[in-house]
């Protein structure tokens, strides 16, 4: 069965935002990859608890691990989800959402360089 969705990530100096964020925590990377593999085959709308729209064309992919809430903030382009950054701190989550909306607004004017994130 062919996946319904693709995942892309904003490029960074090292590689991309997801690889940079996840490279420090291999168990989290495995959990993220499992979640993204599931989401590839769900369509057309991703359900809670996996995804939550935040407004302004931005949404968050949600992963909970123990007492830590991990989020991948991004937006859709066609059948692709573009990850802008990952976040794991509940105390600064409101600021992360504001940052995600501001980045999306900026990226609407000047699209960022991206690369495919294969799961």
PDB file of N, CA and C in Angstrom:
ATOM      1  N   UNK A   1       0.847  -1.186   0.000  1.00  0.00           N
ATOM      2  CA  UNK A   1       0.000   0.000   0.000  1.00  0.00           C
ATOM      3  C   UNK A   1       0.888   1.243   0.000  1.00  0.00           C
ATOM      4  N   UNK A   2       0.554   2.177  -0.854  1.00  0.00           N
ATOM      5  CA  UNK A   2       1.337   3.401  -0.983  1.00  0.00           C
ATOM      6  C   UNK A   2       0.933   4.400   0.111  1.00  0.00           C
ATOM      7  N   UNK A   3       1.924   5.041   0.760  1.00  0.00           N
ATOM      8  CA  UNK A   3       1.592   6.047   1.786  1.00  0.00           C
ATOM      9  C   UNK A   3       0.781   7.207   1.201  1.00  0.00           C
ATOM     10  N   UNK A   4      -0.112   7.745   2.013  1.00  0.00           N
ATOM     11  CA  UNK A   4      -0.917   8.901   1.610  1.00  0.00           C
ATOM     12  C   UNK A   4      -0.184  10.218   1.836  1.00  0.00           C
ATOM     13  N   UNK A   5       0.774  10.214   2.752  1.00  0.00           N
ATOM     14  CA  UNK A   5       1.466  11.434   3.160  1.00  0.00           C
ATOM     15  C   UNK A   5       2.978  11.256   3.083  1.00  0.00           C
ATOM     16  N   UNK A   6       3.663  12.376   2.881  1.00  0.00           N
ATOM     17  CA  UNK A   6       5.121  12.434   2.970  1.00  0.00           C
ATOM     18  C   UNK A   6       5.489  13.426   4.064  1.00  0.00           C
ATOM     19  N   UNK A   7       6.680  13.261   4.604  1.00  0.00           N
ATOM     20  CA  UNK A   7       7.176  14.180   5.622  1.00  0.00           C
ATOM     21  C   UNK A   7       8.431  14.871   5.108  1.00  0.00           C
ATOM     22  N   UNK A   8       8.452  16.172   5.292  1.00  0.00           N
ATOM     23  CA  UNK A   8       9.582  17.006   4.900  1.00  0.00           C
ATOM     24  C   UNK A   8      10.002  17.801   6.121  1.00  0.00           C
ATOM     25  N   UNK A   9      11.250  18.213   6.145  1.00  0.00           N
ATOM     26  CA  UNK A   9      11.761  18.991   7.276  1.00  0.00           C
ATOM     27  C   UNK A   9      12.601  20.139   6.735  1.00  0.00           C
ATOM     28  N   UNK A  10      12.511  21.262   7.423  1.00  0.00           N
ATOM     29  CA  UNK A  10      13.303  22.433   7.064  1.00  0.00           C
ATOM     30  C   UNK A  10      14.783  22.087   7.244  1.00  0.00           C
ATOM     31  N   UNK A  11      15.570  22.424   6.238  1.00  0.00           N
ATOM     32  CA  UNK A  11      17.002  22.129   6.296  1.00  0.00           C
ATOM     33  C   UNK A  11      17.707  23.050   7.292  1.00  0.00           C
ATOM     34  N   UNK A  12      18.766  22.507   7.883  1.00  0.00           N
ATOM     35  CA  UNK A  12      19.609  23.257   8.810  1.00  0.00           C
ATOM     36  C   UNK A  12      21.051  23.157   8.320  1.00  0.00           C
ATOM     37  N   UNK A  13      21.950  23.785   9.040  1.00  0.00           N
ATOM     38  CA  UNK A  13      23.366  23.716   8.673  1.00  0.00           C
ATOM     39  C   UNK A  13      23.876  22.272   8.733  1.00  0.00           C
ATOM     40  N   UNK A  14      23.383  21.493   9.711  1.00  0.00           N
ATOM     41  CA  UNK A  14      23.828  20.097   9.840  1.00  0.00           C
ATOM     42  C   UNK A  14      23.088  19.168   8.893  1.00  0.00           C
ATOM     43  N   UNK A  15      21.758  19.205   8.938  1.00  0.00           N
ATOM     44  CA  UNK A  15      20.946  18.306   8.103  1.00  0.00           C
ATOM     45  C   UNK A  15      19.543  18.862   7.953  1.00  0.00           C
ATOM     46  N   UNK A  16      18.663  18.563   8.951  1.00  0.00           N
ATOM     47  CA  UNK A  16      17.320  19.144   8.972  1.00  0.00           C
ATOM     48  C   UNK A  16      16.832  19.206  10.413  1.00  0.00           C
ATOM     49  N   UNK A  17      15.739  19.921  10.637  1.00  0.00           N
ATOM     50  CA  UNK A  17      15.282  20.176  12.006  1.00  0.00           C
ATOM     51  C   UNK A  17      14.926  18.901  12.768  1.00  0.00           C
ATOM     52  N   UNK A  18      14.373  17.906  12.082  1.00  0.00           N
ATOM     53  CA  UNK A  18      14.019  16.667  12.789  1.00  0.00           C
ATOM     54  C   UNK A  18      15.247  15.845  13.145  1.00  0.00           C
ATOM     55  N   UNK A  19      16.151  15.677  12.206  1.00  0.00           N
ATOM     56  CA  UNK A  19      17.362  14.900  12.486  1.00  0.00           C
ATOM     57  C   UNK A  19      18.162  15.573  13.596  1.00  0.00           C
ATOM     58  N   UNK A  20      18.299  16.896  13.528  1.00  0.00           N
ATOM     59  CA  UNK A  20      19.043  17.619  14.564  1.00  0.00           C
ATOM     60  C   UNK A  20      18.404  17.434  15.938  1.00  0.00           C
ATOM     61  N   UNK A  21      17.092  17.541  16.017  1.00  0.00           N
ATOM     62  CA  UNK A  21      16.370  17.427  17.283  1.00  0.00           C
ATOM     63  C   UNK A  21      16.420  16.000  17.832  1.00  0.00           C
ATOM     64  N   UNK A  22      16.238  15.016  16.951  1.00  0.00           N
ATOM     65  CA  UNK A  22      16.115  13.626  17.391  1.00  0.00           C
ATOM     66  C   UNK A  22      17.449  12.902  17.554  1.00  0.00           C
ATOM     67  N   UNK A  23      18.500  13.414  16.974  1.00  0.00           N
ATOM     68  CA  UNK A  23      19.779  12.696  17.005  1.00  0.00           C
ATOM     69  C   UNK A  23      20.332  12.541  18.422  1.00  0.00           C
ATOM     70  N   UNK A  24      19.876  13.369  19.345  1.00  0.00           N
ATOM     71  CA  UNK A  24      20.343  13.288  20.736  1.00  0.00           C
ATOM     72  C   UNK A  24      19.618  12.222  21.546  1.00  0.00           C
ATOM     73  N   UNK A  25      18.502  11.706  21.006  1.00  0.00           N
ATOM     74  CA  UNK A  25      17.658  10.794  21.785  1.00  0.00           C
ATOM     75  C   UNK A  25      17.122   9.689  20.873  1.00  0.00           C
ATOM     76  N   UNK A  26      17.852   8.592  20.761  1.00  0.00           N
ATOM     77  CA  UNK A  26      17.478   7.499  19.851  1.00  0.00           C
ATOM     78  C   UNK A  26      16.126   6.866  20.198  1.00  0.00           C
ATOM     79  N   UNK A  27      15.785   6.642  21.500  1.00  0.00           N
ATOM     80  CA  UNK A  27      14.449   6.107  21.793  1.00  0.00           C
ATOM     81  C   UNK A  27      13.320   7.052  21.330  1.00  0.00           C
ATOM     82  N   UNK A  28      13.516   8.352  21.475  1.00  0.00           N
ATOM     83  CA  UNK A  28      12.513   9.307  20.993  1.00  0.00           C
ATOM     84  C   UNK A  28      12.441   9.256  19.475  1.00  0.00           C
ATOM     85  N   UNK A  29      13.578   9.169  18.817  1.00  0.00           N
ATOM     86  CA  UNK A  29      13.577   9.082  17.356  1.00  0.00           C
ATOM     87  C   UNK A  29      12.781   7.861  16.891  1.00  0.00           C
ATOM     88  N   UNK A  30      12.954   6.737  17.563  1.00  0.00           N
ATOM     89  CA  UNK A  30      12.206   5.534  17.207  1.00  0.00           C
ATOM     90  C   UNK A  30      10.707   5.745  17.394  1.00  0.00           C
ATOM     91  N   UNK A  31      10.330   6.396  18.487  1.00  0.00           N
ATOM     92  CA  UNK A  31       8.906   6.654  18.753  1.00  0.00           C
ATOM     93  C   UNK A  31       8.324   7.625  17.717  1.00  0.00           C
ATOM     94  N   UNK A  32       9.074   8.660  17.370  1.00  0.00           N
ATOM     95  CA  UNK A  32       8.632   9.608  16.342  1.00  0.00           C
ATOM     96  C   UNK A  32       8.452   8.887  15.010  1.00  0.00           C
ATOM     97  N   UNK A  33       9.421   8.066  14.644  1.00  0.00           N
ATOM     98  CA  UNK A  33       9.334   7.356  13.370  1.00  0.00           C
ATOM     99  C   UNK A  33       8.126   6.422  13.320  1.00  0.00           C
ATOM    100  N   UNK A  34       7.827   5.739  14.422  1.00  0.00           N
ATOM    101  CA  UNK A  34       6.650   4.868  14.471  1.00  0.00           C
ATOM    102  C   UNK A  34       5.374   5.691  14.285  1.00  0.00           C
ATOM    103  N   UNK A  35       5.295   6.812  14.977  1.00  0.00           N
ATOM    104  CA  UNK A  35       4.109   7.677  14.858  1.00  0.00           C
ATOM    105  C   UNK A  35       3.959   8.202  13.435  1.00  0.00           C
ATOM    106  N   UNK A  36       5.050   8.650  12.827  1.00  0.00           N
ATOM    107  CA  UNK A  36       4.980   9.170  11.463  1.00  0.00           C
ATOM    108  C   UNK A  36       4.609   8.070  10.469  1.00  0.00           C
ATOM    109  N   UNK A  37       5.094   6.852  10.690  1.00  0.00           N
ATOM    110  CA  UNK A  37       4.705   5.738   9.812  1.00  0.00           C
ATOM    111  C   UNK A  37       3.196   5.500   9.876  1.00  0.00           C
ATOM    112  N   UNK A  38       2.638   5.585  11.084  1.00  0.00           N
ATOM    113  CA  UNK A  38       1.177   5.433  11.225  1.00  0.00           C
ATOM    114  C   UNK A  38       0.444   6.542  10.473  1.00  0.00           C
ATOM    115  N   UNK A  39       0.905   7.770  10.675  1.00  0.00           N
ATOM    116  CA  UNK A  39       0.226   8.912  10.064  1.00  0.00           C
ATOM    117  C   UNK A  39       0.300   8.879   8.541  1.00  0.00           C
ATOM    118  N   UNK A  40       1.341   8.261   7.987  1.00  0.00           N
ATOM    119  CA  UNK A  40       1.468   8.184   6.530  1.00  0.00           C
ATOM    120  C   UNK A  40       0.258   7.542   5.874  1.00  0.00           C
ATOM    121  N   UNK A  41      -0.418   6.664   6.592  1.00  0.00           N
ATOM    122  CA  UNK A  41      -1.510   5.894   6.005  1.00  0.00           C
ATOM    123  C   UNK A  41      -2.896   6.327   6.490  1.00  0.00           C
ATOM    124  N   UNK A  42      -2.953   7.376   7.280  1.00  0.00           N
ATOM    125  CA  UNK A  42      -4.233   7.903   7.766  1.00  0.00           C
ATOM    126  C   UNK A  42      -4.592   9.111   6.922  1.00  0.00           C
ATOM    127  N   UNK A  43      -5.816   9.168   6.464  1.00  0.00           N
ATOM    128  CA  UNK A  43      -6.191  10.345   5.704  1.00  0.00           C
ATOM    129  C   UNK A  43      -7.688  10.452   5.589  1.00  0.00           C
ATOM    130  N   UNK A  44      -8.190  11.600   5.205  1.00  0.00           N
ATOM    131  CA  UNK A  44      -7.467  12.827   4.900  1.00  0.00           C
ATOM    132  C   UNK A  44      -7.151  13.682   6.120  1.00  0.00           C
ATOM    133  N   UNK A  45      -7.824  13.466   7.250  1.00  0.00           N
ATOM    134  CA  UNK A  45      -7.526  14.268   8.450  1.00  0.00           C
ATOM    135  C   UNK A  45      -6.912  13.374   9.509  1.00  0.00           C
ATOM    136  N   UNK A  46      -5.835  13.844  10.104  1.00  0.00           N
ATOM    137  CA  UNK A  46      -5.218  13.095  11.197  1.00  0.00           C
ATOM    138  C   UNK A  46      -6.008  13.356  12.477  1.00  0.00           C
ATOM    139  N   UNK A  47      -6.290  12.304  13.245  1.00  0.00           N
ATOM    140  CA  UNK A  47      -7.110  12.471  14.452  1.00  0.00           C
ATOM    141  C   UNK A  47      -6.264  12.826  15.679  1.00  0.00           C
ATOM    142  N   UNK A  48      -6.943  13.351  16.698  1.00  0.00           N
ATOM    143  CA  UNK A  48      -6.346  13.448  18.025  1.00  0.00           C
ATOM    144  C   UNK A  48      -6.218  12.018  18.518  1.00  0.00           C
ATOM    145  N   UNK A  49      -5.260  11.625  19.258  1.00  0.00           N
ATOM    146  CA  UNK A  49      -4.255  12.452  19.897  1.00  0.00           C
ATOM    147  C   UNK A  49      -2.998  12.666  19.050  1.00  0.00           C
ATOM    148  N   UNK A  50      -2.981  12.157  17.806  1.00  0.00           N
ATOM    149  CA  UNK A  50      -1.777  12.264  16.985  1.00  0.00           C
ATOM    150  C   UNK A  50      -1.497  13.682  16.491  1.00  0.00           C
ATOM    151  N   UNK A  51      -2.552  14.430  16.201  1.00  0.00           N
ATOM    152  CA  UNK A  51      -2.375  15.737  15.565  1.00  0.00           C
ATOM    153  C   UNK A  51      -3.416  16.718  16.083  1.00  0.00           C
ATOM    154  N   UNK A  52      -2.989  17.987  16.198  1.00  0.00           N
ATOM    155  CA  UNK A  52      -3.925  19.041  16.597  1.00  0.00           C
ATOM    156  C   UNK A  52      -3.648  20.279  15.757  1.00  0.00           C
ATOM    157  N   UNK A  53      -4.664  20.790  15.032  1.00  0.00           N
ATOM    158  CA  UNK A  53      -4.486  22.055  14.318  1.00  0.00           C
ATOM    159  C   UNK A  53      -4.421  23.207  15.321  1.00  0.00           C
ATOM    160  N   UNK A  54      -3.563  24.191  15.045  1.00  0.00           N
ATOM    161  CA  UNK A  54      -3.355  25.309  15.967  1.00  0.00           C
ATOM    162  C   UNK A  54      -3.822  26.642  15.406  1.00  0.00           C
ATOM    163  N   UNK A  55      -4.287  26.652  14.170  1.00  0.00           N
ATOM    164  CA  UNK A  55      -4.688  27.896  13.527  1.00  0.00           C
ATOM    165  C   UNK A  55      -3.530  28.503  12.759  1.00  0.00           C
ATOM    166  N   UNK A  56      -3.860  29.383  11.847  1.00  0.00           N
ATOM    167  CA  UNK A  56      -2.821  30.046  11.061  1.00  0.00           C
ATOM    168  C   UNK A  56      -2.102  29.104  10.106  1.00  0.00           C
ATOM    169  N   UNK A  57      -2.741  27.968   9.788  1.00  0.00           N
ATOM    170  CA  UNK A  57      -2.133  27.004   8.888  1.00  0.00           C
ATOM    171  C   UNK A  57      -1.092  26.108   9.538  1.00  0.00           C
ATOM    172  N   UNK A  58      -0.991  26.175  10.862  1.00  0.00           N
ATOM    173  CA  UNK A  58       0.014  25.418  11.607  1.00  0.00           C
ATOM    174  C   UNK A  58      -0.669  24.332  12.433  1.00  0.00           C
ATOM    175  N   UNK A  59       0.044  23.224  12.642  1.00  0.00           N
ATOM    176  CA  UNK A  59      -0.454  22.167  13.500  1.00  0.00           C
ATOM    177  C   UNK A  59       0.702  21.499  14.223  1.00  0.00           C
ATOM    178  N   UNK A  60       0.344  20.620  15.154  1.00  0.00           N
ATOM    179  CA  UNK A  60       1.370  19.901  15.902  1.00  0.00           C
ATOM    180  C   UNK A  60       1.097  18.411  15.863  1.00  0.00           C
ATOM    181  N   UNK A  61       2.149  17.648  15.562  1.00  0.00           N
ATOM    182  CA  UNK A  61       2.108  16.204  15.727  1.00  0.00           C
ATOM    183  C   UNK A  61       2.487  15.966  17.186  1.00  0.00           C
ATOM    184  N   UNK A  62       1.679  15.153  17.867  1.00  0.00           N
ATOM    185  CA  UNK A  62       1.793  15.020  19.323  1.00  0.00           C
ATOM    186  C   UNK A  62       2.279  13.627  19.708  1.00  0.00           C
ATOM    187  N   UNK A  63       3.266  13.593  20.604  1.00  0.00           N
ATOM    188  CA  UNK A  63       3.783  12.337  21.147  1.00  0.00           C
ATOM    189  C   UNK A  63       3.968  12.523  22.641  1.00  0.00           C
ATOM    190  N   UNK A  64       3.470  11.600  23.404  1.00  0.00           N
ATOM    191  CA  UNK A  64       3.671  11.643  24.850  1.00  0.00           C
ATOM    192  C   UNK A  64       4.546  10.467  25.249  1.00  0.00           C
ATOM    193  N   UNK A  65       5.530  10.766  26.083  1.00  0.00           N
ATOM    194  CA  UNK A  65       6.452   9.745  26.559  1.00  0.00           C
ATOM    195  C   UNK A  65       6.652   9.976  28.050  1.00  0.00           C
ATOM    196  N   UNK A  66       5.980   9.164  28.853  1.00  0.00           N
ATOM    197  CA  UNK A  66       6.031   9.384  30.292  1.00  0.00           C
ATOM    198  C   UNK A  66       5.389  10.717  30.631  1.00  0.00           C
ATOM    199  N   UNK A  67       6.126  11.572  31.339  1.00  0.00           N
ATOM    200  CA  UNK A  67       5.616  12.891  31.705  1.00  0.00           C
ATOM    201  C   UNK A  67       6.009  13.985  30.715  1.00  0.00           C
ATOM    202  N   UNK A  68       6.616  13.598  29.611  1.00  0.00           N
ATOM    203  CA  UNK A  68       7.099  14.586  28.643  1.00  0.00           C
ATOM    204  C   UNK A  68       6.189  14.600  27.412  1.00  0.00           C
ATOM    205  N   UNK A  69       5.779  15.791  27.025  1.00  0.00           N
ATOM    206  CA  UNK A  69       4.966  15.969  25.822  1.00  0.00           C
ATOM    207  C   UNK A  69       5.856  16.510  24.707  1.00  0.00           C
ATOM    208  N   UNK A  70       6.080  15.687  23.695  1.00  0.00           N
ATOM    209  CA  UNK A  70       6.891  16.090  22.545  1.00  0.00           C
ATOM    210  C   UNK A  70       5.953  16.562  21.436  1.00  0.00           C
ATOM    211  N   UNK A  71       6.384  17.589  20.729  1.00  0.00           N
ATOM    212  CA  UNK A  71       5.586  18.146  19.645  1.00  0.00           C
ATOM    213  C   UNK A  71       6.470  18.415  18.434  1.00  0.00           C
ATOM    214  N   UNK A  72       5.906  18.167  17.255  1.00  0.00           N
ATOM    215  CA  UNK A  72       6.537  18.558  16.004  1.00  0.00           C
ATOM    216  C   UNK A  72       5.610  19.580  15.372  1.00  0.00           C
ATOM    217  N   UNK A  73       6.085  20.808  15.247  1.00  0.00           N
ATOM    218  CA  UNK A  73       5.277  21.888  14.684  1.00  0.00           C
ATOM    219  C   UNK A  73       5.545  21.994  13.188  1.00  0.00           C
ATOM    220  N   UNK A  74       4.472  22.098  12.426  1.00  0.00           N
ATOM    221  CA  UNK A  74       4.638  22.178  10.986  1.00  0.00           C
ATOM    222  C   UNK A  74       3.352  22.567  10.283  1.00  0.00           C
ATOM    223  N   UNK A  75       3.348  22.372   8.979  1.00  0.00           N
ATOM    224  CA  UNK A  75       2.202  22.742   8.156  1.00  0.00           C
ATOM    225  C   UNK A  75       2.125  21.819   6.946  1.00  0.00           C
ATOM    226  N   UNK A  76       0.970  21.830   6.294  1.00  0.00           N
ATOM    227  CA  UNK A  76       0.741  20.978   5.130  1.00  0.00           C
ATOM    228  C   UNK A  76       0.969  21.754   3.841  1.00  0.00           C
ATOM    229  N   UNK A  77       1.573  21.055   2.892  1.00  0.00           N
ATOM    230  CA  UNK A  77       1.633  21.498   1.495  1.00  0.00           C
ATOM    231  C   UNK A  77       1.162  20.298   0.691  1.00  0.00           C
ATOM    232  N   UNK A  78      -0.043  20.373   0.154  1.00  0.00           N
ATOM    233  CA  UNK A  78      -0.582  19.228  -0.574  1.00  0.00           C
ATOM    234  C   UNK A  78      -0.644  18.009   0.333  1.00  0.00           C
ATOM    235  N   UNK A  79       0.007  16.926  -0.071  1.00  0.00           N
ATOM    236  CA  UNK A  79       0.032  15.681   0.701  1.00  0.00           C
ATOM    237  C   UNK A  79       1.333  15.533   1.483  1.00  0.00           C
ATOM    238  N   UNK A  80       1.946  16.653   1.828  1.00  0.00           N
ATOM    239  CA  UNK A  80       3.187  16.647   2.600  1.00  0.00           C
ATOM    240  C   UNK A  80       3.009  17.468   3.866  1.00  0.00           C
ATOM    241  N   UNK A  81       3.608  16.971   4.943  1.00  0.00           N
ATOM    242  CA  UNK A  81       3.683  17.733   6.189  1.00  0.00           C
ATOM    243  C   UNK A  81       5.118  18.216   6.319  1.00  0.00           C
ATOM    244  N   UNK A  82       5.290  19.525   6.466  1.00  0.00           N
ATOM    245  CA  UNK A  82       6.615  20.121   6.582  1.00  0.00           C
ATOM    246  C   UNK A  82       6.875  20.443   8.050  1.00  0.00           C
ATOM    247  N   UNK A  83       7.877  19.793   8.629  1.00  0.00           N
ATOM    248  CA  UNK A  83       8.251  20.028  10.026  1.00  0.00           C
ATOM    249  C   UNK A  83       9.132  21.267  10.113  1.00  0.00           C
ATOM    250  N   UNK A  84       8.722  22.216  10.973  1.00  0.00           N
ATOM    251  CA  UNK A  84       9.509  23.431  11.180  1.00  0.00           C
ATOM    252  C   UNK A  84      10.461  23.286  12.349  1.00  0.00           C
ATOM    253  N   UNK A  85      10.009  22.618  13.432  1.00  0.00           N
ATOM    254  CA  UNK A  85      10.876  22.332  14.570  1.00  0.00           C
ATOM    255  C   UNK A  85      10.180  21.381  15.532  1.00  0.00           C
ATOM    256  N   UNK A  86      10.980  20.734  16.377  1.00  0.00           N
ATOM    257  CA  UNK A  86      10.472  19.871  17.425  1.00  0.00           C
ATOM    258  C   UNK A  86      10.642  20.554  18.767  1.00  0.00           C
ATOM    259  N   UNK A  87       9.776  20.165  19.722  1.00  0.00           N
ATOM    260  CA  UNK A  87       9.768  20.838  21.021  1.00  0.00           C
ATOM    261  C   UNK A  87       9.368  19.829  22.091  1.00  0.00           C
ATOM    262  N   UNK A  88       9.997  19.908  23.249  1.00  0.00           N
ATOM    263  CA  UNK A  88       9.716  18.944  24.325  1.00  0.00           C
ATOM    264  C   UNK A  88       9.544  19.582  25.693  1.00  0.00           C
ATOM    265  N   UNK A  89       9.198  20.850  25.761  1.00  0.00           N
ATOM    266  CA  UNK A  89       9.114  21.532  27.051  1.00  0.00           C
ATOM    267  C   UNK A  89       7.728  22.134  27.232  1.00  0.00           C
ATOM    268  N   UNK A  90       6.926  21.539  28.098  1.00  0.00           N
ATOM    269  CA  UNK A  90       5.554  22.009  28.343  1.00  0.00           C
ATOM    270  C   UNK A  90       5.525  23.455  28.851  1.00  0.00           C
ATOM    271  N   UNK A  91       6.536  23.844  29.630  1.00  0.00           N
ATOM    272  CA  UNK A  91       6.553  25.190  30.205  1.00  0.00           C
ATOM    273  C   UNK A  91       6.652  26.275  29.147  1.00  0.00           C
ATOM    274  N   UNK A  92       7.259  25.962  28.019  1.00  0.00           N
ATOM    275  CA  UNK A  92       7.421  26.972  26.960  1.00  0.00           C
ATOM    276  C   UNK A  92       6.588  26.645  25.724  1.00  0.00           C
ATOM    277  N   UNK A  93       5.587  25.803  25.891  1.00  0.00           N
ATOM    278  CA  UNK A  93       4.769  25.372  24.757  1.00  0.00           C
ATOM    279  C   UNK A  93       3.994  26.525  24.116  1.00  0.00           C
ATOM    280  N   UNK A  94       3.459  27.438  24.907  1.00  0.00           N
ATOM    281  CA  UNK A  94       2.718  28.566  24.328  1.00  0.00           C
ATOM    282  C   UNK A  94       3.619  29.422  23.450  1.00  0.00           C
ATOM    283  N   UNK A  95       4.857  29.637  23.890  1.00  0.00           N
ATOM    284  CA  UNK A  95       5.804  30.403  23.085  1.00  0.00           C
ATOM    285  C   UNK A  95       6.178  29.627  21.819  1.00  0.00           C
ATOM    286  N   UNK A  96       6.291  28.318  21.935  1.00  0.00           N
ATOM    287  CA  UNK A  96       6.610  27.496  20.763  1.00  0.00           C
ATOM    288  C   UNK A  96       5.504  27.603  19.717  1.00  0.00           C
ATOM    289  N   UNK A  97       4.252  27.636  20.152  1.00  0.00           N
ATOM    290  CA  UNK A  97       3.131  27.784  19.220  1.00  0.00           C
ATOM    291  C   UNK A  97       3.186  29.145  18.534  1.00  0.00           C
ATOM    292  N   UNK A  98       3.469  30.197  19.290  1.00  0.00           N
ATOM    293  CA  UNK A  98       3.616  31.534  18.693  1.00  0.00           C
ATOM    294  C   UNK A  98       4.748  31.545  17.676  1.00  0.00           C
ATOM    295  N   UNK A  99       5.865  30.914  18.029  1.00  0.00           N
ATOM    296  CA  UNK A  99       7.003  30.849  17.110  1.00  0.00           C
ATOM    297  C   UNK A  99       6.650  30.088  15.837  1.00  0.00           C
ATOM    298  N   UNK A 100       5.896  29.002  15.984  1.00  0.00           N
ATOM    299  CA  UNK A 100       5.498  28.203  14.823  1.00  0.00           C
ATOM    300  C   UNK A 100       4.619  29.021  13.877  1.00  0.00           C
ATOM    301  N   UNK A 101       3.683  29.773  14.438  1.00  0.00           N
ATOM    302  CA  UNK A 101       2.807  30.600  13.598  1.00  0.00           C
ATOM    303  C   UNK A 101       3.593  31.701  12.901  1.00  0.00           C
ATOM    304  N   UNK A 102       4.550  32.293  13.596  1.00  0.00           N
ATOM    305  CA  UNK A 102       5.386  33.336  12.991  1.00  0.00           C
ATOM    306  C   UNK A 102       6.258  32.756  11.868  1.00  0.00           C
ATOM    307  N   UNK A 103       6.825  31.581  12.097  1.00  0.00           N
ATOM    308  CA  UNK A 103       7.634  30.934  11.059  1.00  0.00           C
ATOM    309  C   UNK A 103       6.792  30.602   9.833  1.00  0.00           C
ATOM    310  N   UNK A 104       5.585  30.084  10.056  1.00  0.00           N
ATOM    311  CA  UNK A 104       4.701  29.739   8.934  1.00  0.00           C
ATOM    312  C   UNK A 104       4.401  30.979   8.109  1.00  0.00           C
ATOM    313  N   UNK A 105       4.153  32.082   8.773  1.00  0.00           N
ATOM    314  CA  UNK A 105       3.879  33.342   8.072  1.00  0.00           C
ATOM    315  C   UNK A 105       5.094  33.751   7.233  1.00  0.00           C
ATOM    316  N   UNK A 106       6.281  33.628   7.815  1.00  0.00           N
ATOM    317  CA  UNK A 106       7.513  33.947   7.102  1.00  0.00           C
ATOM    318  C   UNK A 106       7.717  32.985   5.927  1.00  0.00           C
ATOM    319  N   UNK A 107       7.480  31.691   6.158  1.00  0.00           N
ATOM    320  CA  UNK A 107       7.686  30.692   5.113  1.00  0.00           C
ATOM    321  C   UNK A 107       6.664  30.814   3.988  1.00  0.00           C
ATOM    322  N   UNK A 108       5.514  31.428   4.263  1.00  0.00           N
ATOM    323  CA  UNK A 108       4.524  31.662   3.211  1.00  0.00           C
ATOM    324  C   UNK A 108       5.051  32.667   2.197  1.00  0.00           C
ATOM    325  N   UNK A 109       5.885  33.584   2.656  1.00  0.00           N
ATOM    326  CA  UNK A 109       6.474  34.597   1.773  1.00  0.00           C
ATOM    327  C   UNK A 109       7.722  34.067   1.077  1.00  0.00           C
ATOM    328  N   UNK A 110       8.591  33.423   1.857  1.00  0.00           N
ATOM    329  CA  UNK A 110       9.843  32.879   1.332  1.00  0.00           C
ATOM    330  C   UNK A 110       9.951  31.427   1.808  1.00  0.00           C
ATOM    331  N   UNK A 111       9.621  30.462   0.932  1.00  0.00           N
ATOM    332  CA  UNK A 111       9.696  29.060   1.349  1.00  0.00           C
ATOM    333  C   UNK A 111      11.124  28.669   1.757  1.00  0.00           C
ATOM    334  N   UNK A 112      11.238  27.891   2.834  1.00  0.00           N
ATOM    335  CA  UNK A 112      12.567  27.485   3.305  1.00  0.00           C
ATOM    336  C   UNK A 112      13.102  26.317   2.478  1.00  0.00           C
ATOM    337  N   UNK A 113      14.415  26.120   2.499  1.00  0.00           N
ATOM    338  CA  UNK A 113      14.933  24.890   1.894  1.00  0.00           C
ATOM    339  C   UNK A 113      14.485  23.712   2.752  1.00  0.00           C
ATOM    340  N   UNK A 114      14.077  22.626   2.090  1.00  0.00           N
ATOM    341  CA  UNK A 114      13.551  21.454   2.792  1.00  0.00           C
ATOM    342  C   UNK A 114      14.183  20.193   2.231  1.00  0.00           C
ATOM    343  N   UNK A 115      14.107  19.139   3.036  1.00  0.00           N
ATOM    344  CA  UNK A 115      14.459  17.816   2.537  1.00  0.00           C
ATOM    345  C   UNK A 115      13.480  16.805   3.082  1.00  0.00           C
ATOM    346  N   UNK A 116      13.320  15.740   2.331  1.00  0.00           N
ATOM    347  CA  UNK A 116      12.386  14.700   2.733  1.00  0.00           C
ATOM    348  C   UNK A 116      12.902  13.987   3.980  1.00  0.00           C
ATOM    349  N   UNK A 117      11.992  13.704   4.900  1.00  0.00           N
ATOM    350  CA  UNK A 117      12.322  12.917   6.095  1.00  0.00           C
ATOM    351  C   UNK A 117      11.693  11.550   5.891  1.00  0.00           C
ATOM    352  N   UNK A 118      12.538  10.565   5.645  1.00  0.00           N
ATOM    353  CA  UNK A 118      12.051   9.200   5.419  1.00  0.00           C
ATOM    354  C   UNK A 118      11.934   8.459   6.734  1.00  0.00           C
ATOM    355  N   UNK A 119      10.786   7.819   6.932  1.00  0.00           N
ATOM    356  CA  UNK A 119      10.557   7.040   8.151  1.00  0.00           C
ATOM    357  C   UNK A 119      10.533   5.558   7.830  1.00  0.00           C
TER     358      UNK A 119
END
